[in-house]
Amino acid sequence: MTDHLAPPADQSESSRSRLTAEREAELFTAVLDLLVETGYEALTMDAVSHRAHVSKATIYRQWGGKPRLVATALRQLKSGEDDFDTGSLRGDLVALARAVGSVAETNSHLVAAVGHAVTVDPELALAMRECMLEPNNEKFGALLARAVERGEIRADNPALGHVPVLLLSAMLSRPILEGRTVDEAYLVGLVDAVVLPALTGHAGPPTPSLEG
């Protein structure tokens, strides 16, 4: 039996209520701590259960296995409000870039812990898409739709189908290609130099420095 597969359900355990929000937060903290300590591949449900003082049956019942549990724990890493509406396309994109950059910089060790695993573990990749990427893409889509309504972007701009992945993909690709994690300045520079020109034909203000 692997950590990816749920064990047979325990009837008495299944009848219990779900974890409270406080206990879930404690569980997610344990998952993230272990992720940093061991990496994704070596992380086990036994270790999570022991660290968080939560039975494996409860964990499997609510998350189905390690991939979705880890993806859900990572989803909790946010920097304040994540539904940005500043009234302008650049304002929204910069606010988003700064939020993503703040989380990425602060949690670079977690990005490194799952970066390789996502590329070789289809179950983790699926869980990350469902728990993190798809909800973020929906919010990014709403951000772009508002810009279309304001007349800042043409509705038939082909770049609309491509830009939502740029900020998130940079979190994984920059450490591999440049040996550095992304930060707010890097992502704001990406918005001004790449995303805005693709969407509007015009770059944003020059970024003083992309070092970070």
Protein backbone atom coordinates (compact mmCIF):
# COMPACT_ATOMS: atom_id res chain seq x y z
CA MET A 1 0.00 0.00 0.00
CA THR A 2 1.44 3.38 -0.97
CA ASP A 3 0.78 6.81 0.43
CA HIS A 4 -0.94 7.69 -2.85
CA LEU A 5 -3.78 5.22 -2.28
CA ALA A 6 -6.42 5.38 0.41
CA PRO A 7 -6.58 2.38 2.76
CA PRO A 8 -9.86 0.57 3.42
CA ALA A 9 -12.28 2.85 5.21
CA ASP A 10 -12.73 2.43 8.92
CA GLN A 11 -16.45 2.61 9.63
CA SER A 12 -16.08 4.18 13.07
CA GLU A 13 -13.57 6.72 11.73
CA SER A 14 -15.71 7.55 8.71
CA SER A 15 -18.63 8.40 10.94
CA ARG A 16 -16.71 11.11 12.74
CA SER A 17 -16.99 14.77 11.84
CA ARG A 18 -14.44 16.55 9.70
CA LEU A 19 -11.48 18.31 11.27
CA THR A 20 -12.12 21.79 12.57
CA ALA A 21 -10.52 24.73 10.77
CA GLU A 22 -8.00 25.05 13.60
CA ARG A 23 -7.02 21.38 13.41
CA GLU A 24 -6.80 21.58 9.61
CA ALA A 25 -4.42 24.52 9.94
CA GLU A 26 -2.27 22.52 12.35
CA LEU A 27 -2.27 19.58 9.95
CA PHE A 28 -1.28 21.74 6.99
CA THR A 29 1.54 23.27 9.03
CA ALA A 30 2.81 19.78 9.83
CA VAL A 31 2.64 18.82 6.15
CA LEU A 32 4.60 21.89 5.05
CA ASP A 33 7.20 21.44 7.78
CA LEU A 34 7.74 17.82 6.77
CA LEU A 35 7.84 18.79 3.11
CA VAL A 36 10.80 21.07 3.81
CA GLU A 37 12.51 18.51 6.03
CA THR A 38 12.18 15.47 3.76
CA GLY A 39 11.11 16.59 0.31
CA TYR A 40 7.93 15.37 -1.36
CA GLU A 41 9.10 11.90 -2.34
CA ALA A 42 10.18 10.93 1.20
CA LEU A 43 7.19 12.47 2.95
CA THR A 44 4.92 9.74 4.35
CA MET A 45 1.41 9.74 5.69
CA ASP A 46 2.68 7.98 8.80
CA ALA A 47 4.96 10.94 9.49
CA VAL A 48 2.16 13.42 8.87
CA SER A 49 -0.19 11.49 11.14
CA HIS A 50 2.40 11.36 13.91
CA ARG A 51 3.44 15.02 13.61
CA ALA A 52 -0.10 16.39 13.42
CA HIS A 53 -1.68 13.90 15.86
CA VAL A 54 -4.36 13.07 13.30
CA SER A 55 -5.23 9.51 12.32
CA LYS A 56 -4.31 8.34 8.84
CA ALA A 57 -7.92 7.26 8.30
CA THR A 58 -9.08 10.85 8.84
CA ILE A 59 -6.42 12.20 6.49
CA TYR A 60 -7.24 9.70 3.74
CA ARG A 61 -10.97 10.21 4.19
CA GLN A 62 -10.73 13.97 3.70
CA TRP A 63 -7.91 14.25 1.15
CA GLY A 64 -7.63 10.82 -0.46
CA GLY A 65 -3.85 10.61 -0.28
CA LYS A 66 -0.56 12.46 -0.24
CA PRO A 67 -0.82 14.38 -3.55
CA ARG A 68 -4.06 16.20 -2.74
CA LEU A 69 -3.10 16.73 0.91
CA VAL A 70 0.17 18.41 -0.11
CA ALA A 71 -1.48 20.48 -2.84
CA THR A 72 -4.19 21.64 -0.42
CA ALA A 73 -1.60 22.54 2.21
CA LEU A 74 0.33 24.58 -0.35
CA ARG A 75 -2.90 26.31 -1.36
CA GLN A 76 -3.04 27.85 2.11
CA LEU A 77 0.07 29.94 1.37
CA LYS A 78 -1.42 33.29 0.48
CA SER A 79 -0.39 36.90 0.92
CA GLY A 80 -3.57 38.66 2.00
CA GLU A 81 -6.33 39.30 -0.51
CA ASP A 82 -6.02 37.36 -3.76
CA ASP A 83 -8.93 38.80 -5.75
CA PHE A 84 -7.45 42.05 -7.01
CA ASP A 85 -9.56 44.86 -8.45
CA THR A 86 -7.64 48.13 -8.46
CA GLY A 87 -9.51 49.67 -11.37
CA SER A 88 -6.78 49.21 -13.97
CA LEU A 89 -5.15 46.29 -15.75
CA ARG A 90 -1.62 47.19 -14.70
CA GLY A 91 -2.71 47.87 -11.14
CA ASP A 92 -4.36 44.46 -10.93
CA LEU A 93 -1.41 42.65 -12.50
CA VAL A 94 1.15 44.40 -10.29
CA ALA A 95 -0.88 43.63 -7.16
CA LEU A 96 -1.07 39.99 -8.25
CA ALA A 97 2.65 39.86 -9.07
CA ARG A 98 3.57 41.30 -5.70
CA ALA A 99 1.36 38.84 -3.87
CA VAL A 100 2.72 35.85 -5.79
CA GLY A 101 6.27 37.14 -5.43
CA SER A 102 5.92 37.62 -1.70
CA VAL A 103 4.66 34.07 -1.23
CA ALA A 104 7.29 32.61 -3.57
CA GLU A 105 10.18 34.44 -1.94
CA THR A 106 9.09 33.60 1.59
CA ASN A 107 8.43 29.96 0.75
CA SER A 108 11.18 29.28 -1.78
CA HIS A 109 12.13 26.14 0.14
CA LEU A 110 8.63 24.75 -0.41
CA VAL A 111 8.72 25.58 -4.11
CA ALA A 112 11.99 23.67 -4.34
CA ALA A 113 10.53 20.72 -2.40
CA VAL A 114 7.75 20.13 -4.92
CA GLY A 115 9.32 21.55 -8.08
CA HIS A 116 10.88 18.30 -9.27
CA ALA A 117 8.13 16.04 -7.92
CA VAL A 118 5.48 17.82 -9.98
CA THR A 119 7.35 16.97 -13.18
CA VAL A 120 7.61 13.23 -12.45
CA ASP A 121 4.50 12.46 -10.38
CA PRO A 122 1.28 12.64 -12.46
CA GLU A 123 -0.94 12.38 -9.38
CA LEU A 124 0.76 15.34 -7.71
CA ALA A 125 0.64 17.33 -10.95
CA LEU A 126 -3.11 16.69 -11.23
CA ALA A 127 -3.71 17.64 -7.61
CA MET A 128 -1.70 20.85 -8.03
CA ARG A 129 -3.70 21.77 -11.11
CA GLU A 130 -7.03 21.13 -9.42
CA CYS A 131 -6.21 22.68 -6.03
CA MET A 132 -4.00 25.59 -7.06
CA LEU A 133 -3.68 26.33 -10.75
CA GLU A 134 -7.31 26.09 -11.82
CA PRO A 135 -8.67 28.33 -9.00
CA ASN A 136 -5.89 30.85 -9.70
CA ASN A 137 -6.58 30.74 -13.43
CA GLU A 138 -10.25 31.46 -12.77
CA LYS A 139 -9.33 34.56 -10.77
CA PHE A 140 -6.81 35.60 -13.41
CA GLY A 141 -9.55 35.15 -16.02
CA ALA A 142 -11.88 37.41 -14.06
CA LEU A 143 -9.09 40.02 -13.79
CA LEU A 144 -8.59 39.96 -17.56
CA ALA A 145 -12.33 40.03 -18.23
CA ARG A 146 -12.62 43.26 -16.25
CA ALA A 147 -9.83 44.76 -18.36
CA VAL A 148 -11.68 43.75 -21.52
CA GLU A 149 -14.85 45.41 -20.20
CA ARG A 150 -12.88 48.60 -19.44
CA GLY A 151 -11.53 48.60 -22.99
CA GLU A 152 -7.91 48.03 -21.95
CA ILE A 153 -7.63 44.74 -23.86
CA ARG A 154 -9.26 43.61 -27.08
CA ALA A 155 -11.53 40.63 -26.52
CA ASP A 156 -9.95 38.79 -29.48
CA ASN A 157 -6.36 39.23 -28.27
CA PRO A 158 -4.76 35.75 -28.62
CA ALA A 159 -2.49 36.43 -25.65
CA LEU A 160 -5.46 36.16 -23.31
CA GLY A 161 -5.23 32.39 -23.49
CA HIS A 162 -1.53 32.31 -22.61
CA VAL A 163 -0.66 34.91 -20.01
CA PRO A 164 -2.37 33.31 -16.97
CA VAL A 165 0.39 30.70 -16.65
CA LEU A 166 3.34 33.10 -16.87
CA LEU A 167 3.56 34.25 -13.27
CA LEU A 168 3.09 30.79 -11.80
CA SER A 169 5.41 29.07 -14.27
CA ALA A 170 8.12 31.58 -13.42
CA MET A 171 8.09 30.29 -9.86
CA LEU A 172 9.26 26.89 -11.10
CA SER A 173 11.39 27.86 -14.09
CA ARG A 174 13.57 30.65 -12.68
CA PRO A 175 15.19 28.50 -9.97
CA ILE A 176 16.03 25.90 -12.62
CA LEU A 177 17.25 28.28 -15.34
CA GLU A 178 18.91 30.98 -13.22
CA GLY A 179 19.43 29.38 -9.83
CA ARG A 180 17.38 32.09 -8.11
CA THR A 181 13.87 32.25 -6.73
CA VAL A 182 11.35 34.76 -7.99
CA ASP A 183 10.51 37.81 -5.93
CA GLU A 184 8.17 40.79 -6.23
CA ALA A 185 10.56 42.89 -8.31
CA TYR A 186 11.16 40.08 -10.79
CA LEU A 187 7.45 39.40 -11.31
CA VAL A 188 6.53 43.08 -11.58
CA GLY A 189 9.26 43.36 -14.22
CA LEU A 190 7.75 40.37 -16.01
CA VAL A 191 4.35 42.07 -15.98
CA ASP A 192 5.70 45.34 -17.39
CA ALA A 193 8.13 43.90 -19.94
CA VAL A 194 6.21 40.85 -21.17
CA VAL A 195 2.60 40.55 -20.01
CA LEU A 196 1.42 44.12 -20.64
CA PRO A 197 2.99 44.35 -24.11
CA ALA A 198 1.35 41.07 -25.06
CA LEU A 199 -2.03 42.24 -23.85
CA THR A 200 -2.02 45.94 -24.75
CA GLY A 201 0.92 46.53 -27.10
CA HIS A 202 2.56 48.81 -24.55
CA ALA A 203 5.13 48.06 -21.86
CA GLY A 204 4.75 49.25 -18.31
CA PRO A 205 7.12 51.66 -16.54
CA PRO A 206 10.78 50.63 -16.56
CA THR A 207 11.71 48.41 -13.62
CA PRO A 208 14.74 49.87 -11.77
CA SER A 209 16.29 46.45 -11.14
CA LEU A 210 15.38 42.84 -11.72
CA GLU A 211 18.01 41.53 -9.34
CA GLY A 212 16.57 39.37 -6.61
